[in-house]
Amino acid sequence: MARGGQTGDVDAGDGEGNTTDGWEYRPVQLPGDVSRMTAAVRLAIQAEFGGWELSRVRLYPGGVRKVWLRRRRRPSSLMAEPTI
C-alpha cells in the first residue's frame, strides 16, 4: 500500500510491477502449504537479487499469504529500449 492512503494497482506477477508515488509494487501470493521459513527464503531471494523490500503482508484463512513487495522506481534512462 502506498503512503497517504493511496493503493497501487497490482499486476499479474509478470515482473513489471506497477508504480505509485515513486515506488514500484509487486504482489506475491504464497499458498497455505508453504512454511514460514520457505516463505522467508523466497522473499529474501527477491530482496537480494531484485532489489525488493517488504511493503505489506496479509494472512488469509487457510494460511494463504498475500505479500506486496516494493522498490524505488528506476529512472527511465537506465531502462531505455535498445535501438536496432
Protein backbone atom coordinates (compact mmCIF):
# COMPACT_ATOMS: atom_id res chain seq x y z
CA MET A 1 0.00 0.00 0.00
CA ALA A 2 1.36 3.41 -0.90
CA ARG A 3 1.75 6.22 1.58
CA GLY A 4 -1.12 8.64 2.07
CA GLY A 5 -3.85 6.00 1.85
CA GLN A 6 -3.50 5.51 -1.89
CA THR A 7 -3.37 1.97 -3.12
CA GLY A 8 -1.23 0.91 -6.04
CA ASP A 9 -2.66 -1.33 -8.72
CA VAL A 10 -1.50 -4.90 -8.57
CA ASP A 11 -0.31 -6.81 -11.58
CA ALA A 12 -0.40 -10.46 -12.54
CA GLY A 13 3.13 -11.06 -11.26
CA ASP A 14 4.74 -10.64 -14.66
CA GLY A 15 7.75 -8.94 -13.07
CA GLU A 16 6.96 -5.45 -14.29
CA GLY A 17 5.10 -4.26 -11.21
CA ASN A 18 3.06 -1.07 -11.04
CA THR A 19 4.20 2.34 -9.95
CA THR A 20 2.69 4.72 -7.43
CA ASP A 21 4.35 7.72 -5.76
CA GLY A 22 7.88 6.82 -6.83
CA TRP A 23 7.55 3.17 -5.77
CA GLU A 24 7.14 0.09 -7.91
CA TYR A 25 4.93 -2.65 -6.37
CA ARG A 26 4.85 -6.38 -7.00
CA PRO A 27 2.25 -8.70 -5.47
CA VAL A 28 3.23 -12.23 -4.45
CA GLN A 29 0.77 -14.87 -3.26
CA LEU A 30 2.07 -17.76 -1.18
CA PRO A 31 -0.17 -20.82 -0.73
CA GLY A 32 -1.11 -22.03 2.73
CA ASP A 33 1.07 -25.14 2.49
CA VAL A 34 4.27 -23.05 2.24
CA SER A 35 6.08 -22.99 5.58
CA ARG A 36 7.05 -19.74 7.21
CA MET A 37 10.75 -20.49 6.70
CA THR A 38 10.26 -21.27 2.99
CA ALA A 39 8.27 -18.06 2.56
CA ALA A 40 11.05 -16.09 4.27
CA VAL A 41 13.68 -17.62 1.98
CA ARG A 42 11.65 -16.87 -1.16
CA LEU A 43 11.17 -13.26 -0.11
CA ALA A 44 14.85 -12.91 0.85
CA ILE A 45 15.84 -14.07 -2.64
CA GLN A 46 13.53 -11.48 -4.20
CA ALA A 47 15.05 -8.81 -1.96
CA GLU A 48 18.65 -9.82 -2.65
CA PHE A 49 18.51 -10.19 -6.41
CA GLY A 50 15.61 -7.94 -7.38
CA GLY A 51 16.09 -5.03 -5.00
CA TRP A 52 12.63 -5.53 -3.48
CA GLU A 53 11.65 -4.84 0.13
CA LEU A 54 8.62 -5.94 2.10
CA SER A 55 5.74 -3.47 1.96
CA ARG A 56 2.74 -5.41 3.28
CA VAL A 57 1.71 -8.92 4.28
CA ARG A 58 -1.84 -10.18 4.74
CA LEU A 59 -2.67 -13.62 6.09
CA TYR A 60 -5.97 -15.12 4.97
CA PRO A 61 -7.96 -18.10 6.22
CA GLY A 62 -6.41 -21.31 5.02
CA GLY A 63 -2.92 -19.89 5.51
CA VAL A 64 -2.68 -18.06 2.18
CA ARG A 65 -0.33 -15.09 2.41
CA LYS A 66 -0.57 -12.11 0.09
CA VAL A 67 2.64 -10.12 0.10
CA TRP A 68 3.35 -6.79 -1.57
CA LEU A 69 6.98 -6.04 -2.34
CA ARG A 70 8.20 -2.59 -3.29
CA ARG A 71 11.28 -0.90 -4.66
CA ARG A 72 12.16 2.59 -5.76
CA ARG A 73 11.24 3.32 -9.33
CA ARG A 74 14.34 3.41 -11.53
CA PRO A 75 15.00 6.34 -13.84
CA SER A 76 13.71 5.63 -17.34
CA SER A 77 17.10 6.49 -18.85
CA LEU A 78 18.58 3.36 -17.28
CA MET A 79 15.88 1.19 -18.82
CA ALA A 80 15.85 2.63 -22.33
CA GLU A 81 14.85 0.30 -25.14
CA PRO A 82 17.73 -0.75 -27.39
CA THR A 83 17.59 0.52 -30.96
CA ILE A 84 18.42 -1.67 -33.91
